[in-house]
C-alpha cells in the first residue's frame, strides 16, 4: 500500500467516488478554483459534523435546550434536502477509499485509469451534503485484484490551507472510528 508518511493518519472508508481523465495538464486557475471550493466544503463538513458538545452543568443544559432543538431540526432539514438532491443527481457508486494528504487509493470495479494519467477525482463525504470534494491526481499504480483494480494516485495542486483542512477532516474521522470501536466492543479506553 502507498503511504504518505509512516505515521500519517488516513481517511479509510466506503465513499461515493467518481473520476474522469484529464486531456491536458490542469491550469493554475483550475487548481485555485478547486482549492477554494474544497476549503469551503471542508468548512461546511466541519460545521455539519460538529455536535453540541458536552454540557457540564444542569444550568447549561437547561439554557441550551432551545438551541439543541433548533440544531436537531436543522440537521433533519439538511438530511431531507440531501435526499431530495440525491434523487435528481444520484451519487456515484461507493467504493473503498484510503485518503491521505498526498495520496489516495481506491478500489475500481469498472473502467480503470491508466498509469501516469492525470485525473479529476470526486469524493462525497456526507450524504446530507452531496457536494463533491474535487481533487487533481496523477495515477501512480494500478493493480488487479479479484474484485477490481486497486488504484493509487498522487494528489497535486493542494494549497497549504486545504492540506490543513484535510488533516483536520482525517483526524475527526479517525476519532469517530475509535469511538465507534469502543462503543461496539465496550472498551473503557
Protein backbone atom coordinates (compact mmCIF):
# COMPACT_ATOMS: atom_id res chain seq x y z
CA UNK A 1 0.00 0.00 0.00
CA UNK A 2 1.18 3.52 -0.78
CA UNK A 3 1.65 5.61 2.36
CA UNK A 4 2.31 9.34 2.55
CA UNK A 5 4.26 9.18 5.78
CA UNK A 6 4.77 6.18 8.08
CA UNK A 7 2.72 7.67 10.94
CA UNK A 8 0.21 9.66 8.94
CA UNK A 9 -3.46 9.20 9.76
CA UNK A 10 -5.57 8.26 6.76
CA UNK A 11 -9.24 8.54 5.95
CA UNK A 12 -10.34 4.95 5.28
CA UNK A 13 -13.97 4.37 4.47
CA UNK A 14 -16.51 3.40 1.83
CA UNK A 15 -17.34 6.57 -0.12
CA UNK A 16 -19.04 7.52 -3.36
CA UNK A 17 -16.21 8.19 -5.82
CA UNK A 18 -16.12 9.31 -9.43
CA UNK A 19 -13.09 10.02 -11.59
CA UNK A 20 -12.55 11.38 -15.05
CA UNK A 21 -9.37 11.55 -17.11
CA UNK A 22 -7.98 14.97 -17.97
CA UNK A 23 -6.85 15.60 -21.52
CA UNK A 24 -4.33 18.27 -20.58
CA UNK A 25 -2.31 19.41 -17.59
CA UNK A 26 -4.59 21.36 -15.24
CA UNK A 27 -4.12 25.12 -15.36
CA UNK A 28 -3.42 27.22 -12.28
CA UNK A 29 -6.91 28.74 -12.43
CA UNK A 30 -8.49 25.29 -12.16
CA UNK A 31 -6.21 24.37 -9.25
CA UNK A 32 -7.11 27.61 -7.48
CA UNK A 33 -10.87 27.12 -8.02
CA UNK A 34 -10.69 23.53 -6.77
CA UNK A 35 -8.78 24.61 -3.65
CA UNK A 36 -11.27 27.39 -2.84
CA UNK A 37 -14.26 25.09 -3.38
CA UNK A 38 -12.71 22.29 -1.30
CA UNK A 39 -11.76 24.65 1.54
CA UNK A 40 -15.37 25.86 1.62
CA UNK A 41 -16.67 22.28 1.58
CA UNK A 42 -14.38 21.28 4.47
CA UNK A 43 -15.73 24.22 6.50
CA UNK A 44 -19.29 23.08 5.76
CA UNK A 45 -18.45 19.49 6.75
CA UNK A 46 -16.84 20.67 9.97
CA UNK A 47 -19.96 22.64 10.85
CA UNK A 48 -22.25 19.78 9.86
CA UNK A 49 -20.29 17.22 11.87
CA UNK A 50 -19.91 19.48 14.90
CA UNK A 51 -22.10 18.45 17.79
CA UNK A 52 -23.49 20.47 20.62
CA UNK A 53 -20.50 19.50 22.74
CA UNK A 54 -20.64 18.31 26.28
CA UNK A 55 -22.51 20.40 28.79
CA UNK A 56 -21.01 20.47 32.25
CA UNK A 57 -23.95 21.52 34.40
CA UNK A 58 -27.71 21.23 34.58
CA UNK A 59 -27.92 25.01 34.19
CA UNK A 60 -26.00 24.87 30.90
CA UNK A 61 -28.25 22.04 29.72
CA UNK A 62 -31.41 23.99 30.57
CA UNK A 63 -30.12 27.11 28.81
CA UNK A 64 -29.11 25.21 25.69
CA UNK A 65 -32.29 23.15 25.20
CA UNK A 66 -33.86 25.64 22.75
CA UNK A 67 -30.64 25.75 20.72
CA UNK A 68 -30.34 21.97 20.73
CA UNK A 69 -33.89 21.68 19.43
CA UNK A 70 -33.12 24.14 16.60
CA UNK A 71 -29.89 22.28 15.83
CA UNK A 72 -31.78 18.97 15.59
CA UNK A 73 -34.43 20.47 13.32
CA UNK A 74 -31.77 21.95 11.03
CA UNK A 75 -29.97 18.61 10.83
CA UNK A 76 -33.23 16.86 9.91
CA UNK A 77 -33.87 19.51 7.24
CA UNK A 78 -30.35 19.05 5.85
CA UNK A 79 -30.86 15.28 5.66
CA UNK A 80 -34.12 15.75 3.78
CA UNK A 81 -32.63 18.26 1.34
CA UNK A 82 -29.70 15.90 0.78
CA UNK A 83 -32.11 13.07 -0.05
CA UNK A 84 -34.02 15.28 -2.50
CA UNK A 85 -30.81 16.33 -4.22
CA UNK A 86 -29.64 12.73 -4.43
CA UNK A 87 -32.87 11.78 -6.23
CA UNK A 88 -32.22 14.29 -9.03
CA UNK A 89 -28.45 13.91 -9.00
CA UNK A 90 -27.55 10.40 -7.88
CA UNK A 91 -24.20 9.91 -6.23
CA UNK A 92 -21.63 7.66 -7.88
CA UNK A 93 -21.15 4.12 -6.61
CA UNK A 94 -19.40 3.86 -3.27
CA UNK A 95 -16.06 2.07 -3.03
CA UNK A 96 -13.19 1.52 -0.62
CA UNK A 97 -11.18 4.73 -0.29
CA UNK A 98 -7.90 5.34 1.56
CA UNK A 99 -7.12 9.07 1.56
CA UNK A 100 -4.09 10.93 2.89
CA UNK A 101 -2.82 14.45 2.34
CA UNK A 102 -0.54 13.39 -0.52
CA UNK A 103 -2.03 10.17 -1.91
CA UNK A 104 -5.32 8.40 -2.45
CA UNK A 105 -6.05 4.72 -3.11
CA UNK A 106 -9.33 3.23 -4.19
CA UNK A 107 -10.85 0.03 -5.48
CA UNK A 108 -12.12 0.47 -9.05
CA UNK A 109 -14.55 -2.18 -10.28
CA UNK A 110 -15.29 -0.64 -13.67
CA UNK A 111 -13.10 1.26 -16.13
CA UNK A 112 -9.54 1.62 -14.90
CA UNK A 113 -7.43 4.76 -15.33
CA UNK A 114 -4.03 4.42 -17.00
CA UNK A 115 -0.82 4.79 -15.01
CA UNK A 116 0.70 8.24 -15.42
CA UNK A 117 -2.65 9.79 -16.36
CA UNK A 118 -3.93 12.99 -14.75
CA UNK A 119 -7.45 12.58 -13.34
CA UNK A 120 -10.05 14.64 -11.55
CA UNK A 121 -11.44 12.77 -8.53
CA UNK A 122 -14.73 13.49 -6.84
CA UNK A 123 -15.35 12.17 -3.31
CA UNK A 124 -18.59 12.59 -1.38
CA UNK A 125 -18.03 12.63 2.39
CA UNK A 126 -21.54 13.16 3.79
CA UNK A 127 -24.96 12.09 2.48
CA UNK A 128 -26.62 15.28 3.78
CA UNK A 129 -24.14 17.34 1.78
CA UNK A 130 -23.98 15.76 -1.69
CA UNK A 131 -21.31 18.18 -2.90
CA UNK A 132 -18.09 16.64 -4.23
CA UNK A 133 -14.63 17.13 -2.78
CA UNK A 134 -12.69 17.51 -6.04
CA UNK A 135 -9.01 16.60 -6.30
CA UNK A 136 -6.43 16.54 -9.05
CA UNK A 137 -4.25 13.44 -9.04
CA UNK A 138 -1.78 11.50 -11.18
CA UNK A 139 -2.25 7.73 -11.31
CA UNK A 140 0.89 6.05 -9.95
CA UNK A 141 -0.14 2.38 -9.95
CA UNK A 142 -2.98 0.06 -10.93
CA UNK A 143 -3.01 -3.49 -9.52
CA UNK A 144 -5.54 -6.15 -10.48
CA UNK A 145 -7.43 -7.87 -7.67
CA UNK A 146 -10.26 -10.38 -7.61
CA UNK A 147 -12.90 -7.68 -7.09
CA UNK A 148 -11.46 -4.98 -9.37
CA UNK A 149 -8.32 -2.88 -9.55
CA UNK A 150 -6.54 -1.16 -6.68
CA UNK A 151 -5.69 2.32 -7.98
CA UNK A 152 -3.02 4.52 -6.36
CA UNK A 153 -2.66 8.20 -7.16
CA UNK A 154 -0.57 11.15 -6.00
CA UNK A 155 -2.58 14.28 -5.24
CA UNK A 156 -1.44 17.55 -6.79
CA UNK A 157 -2.10 21.25 -6.50
CA UNK A 158 -3.40 21.32 -2.91
CA UNK A 159 -2.96 24.64 -1.13
CA UNK A 160 -1.49 24.73 2.37
CA UNK A 161 -4.91 25.73 3.75
CA UNK A 162 -6.53 22.77 2.01
CA UNK A 163 -3.89 20.34 3.33
CA UNK A 164 -4.51 21.68 6.84
CA UNK A 165 -8.28 21.31 6.47
CA UNK A 166 -7.87 17.80 5.05
CA UNK A 167 -5.67 16.83 8.01
CA UNK A 168 -8.43 18.00 10.37
CA UNK A 169 -11.09 16.05 8.46
CA UNK A 170 -8.95 12.91 8.58
CA UNK A 171 -8.30 13.36 12.30
CA UNK A 172 -12.02 13.84 13.11
CA UNK A 173 -12.88 10.74 11.07
CA UNK A 174 -10.17 8.75 12.87
CA UNK A 175 -11.53 9.84 16.27
CA UNK A 176 -15.08 8.85 15.24
CA UNK A 177 -13.84 5.41 14.16
CA UNK A 178 -12.13 4.93 17.54
CA UNK A 179 -15.32 5.98 19.37
CA UNK A 180 -17.40 3.55 17.30
CA UNK A 181 -14.98 0.70 18.04
CA UNK A 182 -15.09 1.48 21.74
CA UNK A 183 -18.88 1.53 21.79
CA UNK A 184 -19.08 -1.69 19.79
CA UNK A 185 -16.55 -3.51 21.96
CA UNK A 186 -17.43 -1.70 25.20
CA UNK A 187 -13.78 -0.77 25.70
CA UNK A 188 -13.20 1.71 28.52
CA UNK A 189 -10.02 3.01 26.85
